[in-house]
């Protein structure tokens, strides 16, 4: 399993958009991303903790491999 990159919330949102998610709503600094019947919450922080990012990836129904692969495809 690849190591999670240290990225910001905005970068994580861009990766999820690349994977077919859209921004459903935002309240404060937390953005809710949706794709079909799956969703996840991404805090728009300067740097996401590894556990926070891993939890969001799990909520979205993705694997860490899928997320990292999409992140590296710039």
C-alpha atoms as a PDB file:
ATOM      1  CA  UNK A   1       0.000   0.000   0.000  1.00  0.00           C
ATOM      2  CA  UNK A   2       1.491   3.367  -0.997  1.00  0.00           C
ATOM      3  CA  UNK A   3       2.104   6.031   1.587  1.00  0.00           C
ATOM      4  CA  UNK A   4      -0.416   8.859   1.676  1.00  0.00           C
ATOM      5  CA  UNK A   5       0.896  12.195   0.418  1.00  0.00           C
ATOM      6  CA  UNK A   6       0.793  15.231   2.709  1.00  0.00           C
ATOM      7  CA  UNK A   7      -1.686  17.391   0.820  1.00  0.00           C
ATOM      8  CA  UNK A   8      -4.091  20.229   1.528  1.00  0.00           C
ATOM      9  CA  UNK A   9      -7.851  19.908   1.582  1.00  0.00           C
ATOM     10  CA  UNK A  10      -8.100  21.770  -1.724  1.00  0.00           C
ATOM     11  CA  UNK A  11      -5.712  19.304  -3.381  1.00  0.00           C
ATOM     12  CA  UNK A  12      -7.768  16.380  -2.045  1.00  0.00           C
ATOM     13  CA  UNK A  13     -10.921  17.980  -3.464  1.00  0.00           C
ATOM     14  CA  UNK A  14      -9.254  18.294  -6.899  1.00  0.00           C
ATOM     15  CA  UNK A  15      -8.298  14.601  -6.836  1.00  0.00           C
ATOM     16  CA  UNK A  16     -11.850  13.588  -5.910  1.00  0.00           C
ATOM     17  CA  UNK A  17     -13.260  15.745  -8.722  1.00  0.00           C
ATOM     18  CA  UNK A  18     -10.884  13.943 -11.101  1.00  0.00           C
ATOM     19  CA  UNK A  19     -12.378  10.659  -9.814  1.00  0.00           C
ATOM     20  CA  UNK A  20     -15.948  11.739 -10.622  1.00  0.00           C
ATOM     21  CA  UNK A  21     -17.054  13.407  -7.379  1.00  0.00           C
ATOM     22  CA  UNK A  22     -18.706  16.817  -7.207  1.00  0.00           C
ATOM     23  CA  UNK A  23     -19.015  19.389  -4.449  1.00  0.00           C
ATOM     24  CA  UNK A  24     -22.487  18.935  -2.992  1.00  0.00           C
ATOM     25  CA  UNK A  25     -22.278  21.606  -0.280  1.00  0.00           C
ATOM     26  CA  UNK A  26     -20.003  23.395   2.124  1.00  0.00           C
ATOM     27  CA  UNK A  27     -20.464  24.541   5.690  1.00  0.00           C
ATOM     28  CA  UNK A  28     -17.596  26.549   7.087  1.00  0.00           C
ATOM     29  CA  UNK A  29     -14.355  24.873   6.109  1.00  0.00           C
ATOM     30  CA  UNK A  30     -15.891  21.430   5.502  1.00  0.00           C
ATOM     31  CA  UNK A  31     -16.827  20.389   1.964  1.00  0.00           C
ATOM     32  CA  UNK A  32     -19.157  17.470   1.257  1.00  0.00           C
ATOM     33  CA  UNK A  33     -18.202  15.614  -1.923  1.00  0.00           C
ATOM     34  CA  UNK A  34     -20.677  13.214  -3.592  1.00  0.00           C
ATOM     35  CA  UNK A  35     -20.645  10.591  -6.333  1.00  0.00           C
ATOM     36  CA  UNK A  36     -23.795   8.539  -6.886  1.00  0.00           C
ATOM     37  CA  UNK A  37     -24.742   7.226  -3.434  1.00  0.00           C
ATOM     38  CA  UNK A  38     -21.281   7.732  -1.844  1.00  0.00           C
ATOM     39  CA  UNK A  39     -19.964  10.823  -0.171  1.00  0.00           C
ATOM     40  CA  UNK A  40     -17.189  12.125   2.032  1.00  0.00           C
ATOM     41  CA  UNK A  41     -16.310  15.220   4.015  1.00  0.00           C
ATOM     42  CA  UNK A  42     -13.062  17.060   3.290  1.00  0.00           C
ATOM     43  CA  UNK A  43     -11.893  19.832   5.622  1.00  0.00           C
ATOM     44  CA  UNK A  44     -10.291  22.700   3.684  1.00  0.00           C
ATOM     45  CA  UNK A  45      -7.158  22.837   5.838  1.00  0.00           C
ATOM     46  CA  UNK A  46      -3.656  23.747   4.688  1.00  0.00           C
ATOM     47  CA  UNK A  47      -2.464  20.228   5.473  1.00  0.00           C
ATOM     48  CA  UNK A  48      -4.630  17.176   6.124  1.00  0.00           C
ATOM     49  CA  UNK A  49      -3.556  14.698   8.768  1.00  0.00           C
ATOM     50  CA  UNK A  50      -2.941  11.212   7.388  1.00  0.00           C
ATOM     51  CA  UNK A  51      -5.770   9.722   9.460  1.00  0.00           C
ATOM     52  CA  UNK A  52      -8.220  12.391   8.294  1.00  0.00           C
ATOM     53  CA  UNK A  53      -7.344  11.809   4.635  1.00  0.00           C
ATOM     54  CA  UNK A  54      -7.505   8.024   5.051  1.00  0.00           C
ATOM     55  CA  UNK A  55     -10.936   8.333   6.684  1.00  0.00           C
ATOM     56  CA  UNK A  56     -12.233  10.516   3.836  1.00  0.00           C
ATOM     57  CA  UNK A  57     -10.923   8.037   1.261  1.00  0.00           C
ATOM     58  CA  UNK A  58     -12.703   5.212   3.102  1.00  0.00           C
ATOM     59  CA  UNK A  59     -15.961   7.248   3.277  1.00  0.00           C
ATOM     60  CA  UNK A  60     -15.746   7.798  -0.472  1.00  0.00           C
ATOM     61  CA  UNK A  61     -15.541   4.059  -1.103  1.00  0.00           C
ATOM     62  CA  UNK A  62     -12.064   4.302  -2.633  1.00  0.00           C
ATOM     63  CA  UNK A  63      -8.831   2.519  -1.894  1.00  0.00           C
ATOM     64  CA  UNK A  64      -5.659   4.368  -0.980  1.00  0.00           C
ATOM     65  CA  UNK A  65      -4.085   3.010  -4.185  1.00  0.00           C
ATOM     66  CA  UNK A  66      -6.833   4.549  -6.356  1.00  0.00           C
ATOM     67  CA  UNK A  67      -6.519   7.902  -4.615  1.00  0.00           C
ATOM     68  CA  UNK A  68      -2.716   8.036  -4.809  1.00  0.00           C
ATOM     69  CA  UNK A  69      -2.747   6.971  -8.476  1.00  0.00           C
ATOM     70  CA  UNK A  70      -5.203   9.774  -9.326  1.00  0.00           C
ATOM     71  CA  UNK A  71      -3.123  12.254  -7.288  1.00  0.00           C
ATOM     72  CA  UNK A  72       0.042  11.391  -9.197  1.00  0.00           C
ATOM     73  CA  UNK A  73      -1.696  11.726 -12.614  1.00  0.00           C
ATOM     74  CA  UNK A  74      -1.385  15.491 -12.877  1.00  0.00           C
END
